[in-house]
Structure formats: C-alpha cells, structure tokens
Amino acid sequence: ESGDTVSKNLPEGIIILSGTVANQDFEQEIDLTGIDTKSLVFGGGSPLDIYVADFEDRLEKANASYPIIRVLANVPSDCVDATVSINGDDDSLSFTVLQSTQDFKPQQIDSFGVHQITVTCKDDRTLVDDEAEFEVGASYNVYIDGSSVSVYALAEPNTVHIFWLLPQYVLMTVGEILFSITSLEFAY
C-alpha cells in the first residue's frame, strides 16, 4: 500500500526484486554493490517503477544536537518542479523536485520541535500541507507520496537530558572542597 515501509537486510551485489504490489506483478534487477543503506521507493506506474535512492540513509546520530532529515519525494507527474518546504521556528529548508521521484542529501536543521511541511506545485497548487515533529539528536527520513507525508526515525532521539550532568558536577565539587580543606590542614 502507499506509504507502507518495509525494512529488509539484503545481500550486497545484484539482486532481483519480484512480487506483487496493488495487484500488479513486478520484477526488477537492482545493483546494491558497495551500498550500506538505501531506500527503495515503489511508484505506481505500469510496469511498476522502483526508484533506488541516490543518497544513503543516515543511520547514526547527529554530531550536534539538532536533528538530521532526508527528504524522499514521489509526486505526480503533473507536479514536477514542485517545491518542498520544511519550516520550523528558527529555520527553513527548501528543495525543488525535478522529477516525479527524487531524494535529497541528508541535512541538519537548526531547531527541533514541530515543523510545517508543504509541497507546492509549479502552478501554485498545494499538494501537501502537514506537520511533523523532529526531536533532538535524531535522524529522520521524510517520505512524501502524492498528498501524504510519512516521517520515520532512523536514529532515535536523545533520551538523557544534558542537565543530568549537574548532580555529578555538584558531587565532584563538594569532594574537591573537602579534599582541599583536609590537604591544607596537613600542609600547615
């Protein structure tokens, strides 16, 4: 079904994908040589289109605390040259979809929280107007399929807050103070 995601570990090399999607049989040869992680997008053409993403999925956490997102867009052919915009409180990203199925290099956004995702066709028709929440330290794939948006976390967000270091610093400071007072007493 449209928007469904399946994750499989496939062997490296040339594989043949075959099966049935939406009552349509397909078989396609795909070269996975030298690839660690890739997304495959199944289109609705006849014969069934299988798009192998140009960029690899980002499975590791972000170096900085801000989230990393990667957009994979599958828009109708009458909406090619569409603009994908992702807008947050402090940042915005914009991509131009030049073909019906296209993916973009993972990029770090400068804020976390709820972001507005819009896809606007060249004729100013809004195809998608949705929201997604991006959390601290996570890596996401944003799939745009026609008029729907699906967001998948590839690397989970940070769960331990940085302020949990505060009690450790307080304890170390108290220990240093007690040690230095005792050392000064022995020195004199």
Protein backbone atom coordinates (compact mmCIF):
# COMPACT_ATOMS: atom_id res chain seq x y z
CA GLU A 1 0.00 0.00 0.00
CA SER A 2 1.03 3.59 -0.47
CA GLY A 3 3.03 4.93 2.44
CA ASP A 4 3.90 1.50 3.87
CA THR A 5 7.50 0.95 4.81
CA VAL A 6 9.32 -2.37 4.85
CA SER A 7 12.84 -2.74 6.17
CA LYS A 8 14.89 -5.68 4.93
CA ASN A 9 18.55 -6.64 5.06
CA LEU A 10 19.53 -7.59 1.53
CA PRO A 11 22.77 -9.18 0.37
CA GLU A 12 25.35 -6.99 -1.33
CA GLY A 13 25.58 -7.29 -5.10
CA ILE A 14 22.97 -7.54 -7.81
CA ILE A 15 19.58 -8.73 -6.58
CA ILE A 16 16.30 -9.37 -8.35
CA LEU A 17 13.23 -7.97 -6.64
CA SER A 18 9.96 -9.59 -7.63
CA GLY A 19 6.49 -9.71 -6.20
CA THR A 20 3.04 -8.20 -6.37
CA VAL A 21 2.01 -4.71 -5.27
CA ALA A 22 -1.56 -3.44 -5.73
CA ASN A 23 -2.42 -6.49 -7.89
CA GLN A 24 0.48 -5.71 -10.20
CA ASP A 25 3.37 -8.15 -10.68
CA PHE A 26 6.87 -6.76 -10.93
CA GLU A 27 10.44 -7.95 -11.35
CA GLN A 28 13.44 -5.67 -11.44
CA GLU A 29 17.19 -6.12 -11.16
CA ILE A 30 18.87 -3.76 -8.67
CA ASP A 31 22.60 -3.30 -8.13
CA LEU A 32 23.42 -2.97 -4.41
CA THR A 33 27.19 -3.26 -4.78
CA GLY A 34 29.06 -1.05 -2.29
CA ILE A 35 25.88 0.24 -0.67
CA ASP A 36 25.31 0.22 3.08
CA THR A 37 21.82 1.65 3.41
CA LYS A 38 19.46 2.72 0.65
CA SER A 39 15.76 3.39 0.37
CA LEU A 40 13.67 1.94 -2.43
CA VAL A 41 10.54 3.81 -3.50
CA PHE A 42 7.87 1.84 -5.29
CA GLY A 43 5.98 4.01 -7.76
CA GLY A 44 2.57 3.40 -9.27
CA GLY A 45 3.48 3.22 -12.94
CA SER A 46 2.88 0.38 -15.30
CA PRO A 47 5.16 -1.53 -15.20
CA LEU A 48 5.77 -0.82 -11.52
CA ASP A 49 8.53 1.75 -11.02
CA ILE A 50 11.20 1.03 -8.41
CA TYR A 51 13.34 4.04 -7.57
CA VAL A 52 16.68 3.37 -5.85
CA ALA A 53 17.59 6.40 -3.77
CA ASP A 54 20.67 8.37 -4.82
CA PHE A 55 21.78 9.09 -1.25
CA GLU A 56 22.29 6.64 1.59
CA ASP A 57 20.16 6.67 4.72
CA ARG A 58 21.76 8.32 7.75
CA LEU A 59 21.53 5.67 10.48
CA GLU A 60 23.87 7.26 13.02
CA LYS A 61 23.00 10.07 15.39
CA ALA A 62 23.76 13.66 14.57
CA ASN A 63 27.12 15.04 15.77
CA ALA A 64 25.41 18.18 17.03
CA SER A 65 22.19 18.05 18.98
CA TYR A 66 19.96 19.19 16.12
CA PRO A 67 18.09 16.62 14.02
CA ILE A 68 19.07 15.47 10.54
CA ILE A 69 16.40 14.99 7.90
CA ARG A 70 16.40 13.49 4.45
CA VAL A 71 13.53 14.01 2.02
CA LEU A 72 12.33 11.39 -0.48
CA ALA A 73 9.58 12.77 -2.72
CA ASN A 74 7.24 10.88 -5.03
CA VAL A 75 4.97 13.48 -6.63
CA PRO A 76 2.50 13.15 -9.54
CA SER A 77 3.93 13.85 -12.99
CA ASP A 78 1.79 16.99 -13.32
CA CYS A 79 3.52 18.41 -10.23
CA VAL A 80 7.16 18.10 -11.34
CA ASP A 81 9.27 21.15 -10.43
CA ALA A 82 7.42 21.23 -7.10
CA THR A 83 8.93 22.97 -4.09
CA VAL A 84 9.19 21.07 -0.81
CA SER A 85 9.45 23.42 2.19
CA ILE A 86 10.16 22.41 5.77
CA ASN A 87 9.70 25.35 8.14
CA GLY A 88 10.36 25.48 11.86
CA ASP A 89 10.52 28.30 14.38
CA ASP A 90 14.16 29.14 13.68
CA ASP A 91 14.90 27.55 10.32
CA SER A 92 13.61 26.55 6.93
CA LEU A 93 14.74 24.17 4.21
CA SER A 94 13.59 24.18 0.62
CA PHE A 95 14.03 21.55 -2.10
CA THR A 96 12.97 21.50 -5.75
CA VAL A 97 11.67 18.17 -7.04
CA LEU A 98 12.87 17.94 -10.66
CA GLN A 99 11.47 14.50 -11.44
CA SER A 100 8.47 12.56 -10.20
CA THR A 101 10.58 10.54 -7.72
CA GLN A 102 13.66 12.11 -6.18
CA ASP A 103 15.62 12.04 -2.94
CA PHE A 104 17.87 14.64 -1.37
CA LYS A 105 21.07 14.59 0.65
CA PRO A 106 20.54 14.44 4.44
CA GLN A 107 20.68 17.90 6.03
CA GLN A 108 20.80 19.16 9.57
CA ILE A 109 18.03 21.53 10.62
CA ASP A 110 18.71 24.30 13.13
CA SER A 111 15.81 23.69 15.50
CA PHE A 112 13.75 20.87 16.91
CA GLY A 113 10.04 20.62 17.57
CA VAL A 114 7.08 20.87 15.20
CA HIS A 115 7.86 21.81 11.59
CA GLN A 116 5.44 22.62 8.78
CA ILE A 117 5.94 20.51 5.63
CA THR A 118 4.44 21.86 2.41
CA VAL A 119 4.71 20.74 -1.21
CA THR A 120 3.71 23.39 -3.73
CA CYS A 121 3.42 22.61 -7.43
CA LYS A 122 4.68 24.96 -10.11
CA ASP A 123 1.10 26.16 -10.74
CA ASP A 124 0.83 27.28 -7.03
CA ARG A 125 -1.32 24.28 -6.17
CA THR A 126 -0.60 22.97 -2.65
CA LEU A 127 -0.15 19.21 -2.79
CA VAL A 128 0.84 18.65 0.84
CA ASP A 129 0.36 20.78 3.95
CA ASP A 130 1.26 18.78 7.05
CA GLU A 131 3.22 18.94 10.30
CA ALA A 132 5.96 16.72 11.72
CA GLU A 133 7.89 16.79 14.96
CA PHE A 134 11.67 16.45 14.86
CA GLU A 135 13.40 15.70 18.17
CA VAL A 136 16.91 16.39 19.48
CA GLY A 137 19.70 14.18 18.12
CA ALA A 138 17.57 12.04 15.81
CA SER A 139 17.90 11.25 12.12
CA TYR A 140 14.74 11.13 10.01
CA ASN A 141 13.57 10.13 6.55
CA VAL A 142 10.63 12.21 5.34
CA TYR A 143 8.66 10.36 2.64
CA ILE A 144 6.31 12.45 0.52
CA ASP A 145 3.99 10.25 -1.52
CA GLY A 146 1.44 12.23 -3.50
CA SER A 147 -0.56 14.14 -0.92
CA SER A 148 0.67 12.33 2.20
CA VAL A 149 3.75 12.67 4.39
CA SER A 150 5.33 9.90 6.48
CA VAL A 151 8.22 10.55 8.86
CA TYR A 152 10.43 7.69 10.05
CA ALA A 153 13.12 7.96 12.72
CA LEU A 154 16.26 6.13 11.59
CA ALA A 155 18.28 7.08 14.69
CA GLU A 156 16.28 7.53 17.86
CA PRO A 157 16.22 10.94 19.57
CA ASN A 158 18.31 11.67 22.65
CA THR A 159 16.62 10.43 25.79
CA VAL A 160 19.04 11.52 28.53
CA HIS A 161 18.95 15.24 29.12
CA ILE A 162 22.25 17.12 29.46
CA PHE A 163 21.22 18.54 32.85
CA TRP A 164 21.69 15.08 34.40
CA LEU A 165 25.39 16.05 34.47
CA LEU A 166 24.64 18.78 37.03
CA PRO A 167 24.38 16.47 40.11
CA GLN A 168 27.67 14.83 39.12
CA TYR A 169 29.44 18.19 38.94
CA VAL A 170 27.98 19.23 42.32
CA LEU A 171 29.19 15.98 43.93
CA MET A 172 32.68 16.35 42.40
CA THR A 173 32.87 19.99 43.55
CA VAL A 174 31.92 19.09 47.14
CA GLY A 175 34.53 16.30 47.10
CA GLU A 176 37.21 18.70 45.83
CA ILE A 177 36.36 21.23 48.55
CA LEU A 178 36.53 18.62 51.32
CA PHE A 179 39.80 17.23 49.95
CA SER A 180 41.45 20.64 49.59
CA ILE A 181 40.49 21.68 53.16
CA THR A 182 42.00 18.47 54.54
CA SER A 183 45.15 18.87 52.43
CA LEU A 184 45.60 22.48 53.55
CA GLU A 185 45.23 21.39 57.20
CA PHE A 186 48.05 18.84 56.81
CA ALA A 187 50.25 21.32 54.92
CA TYR A 188 50.28 23.83 57.75
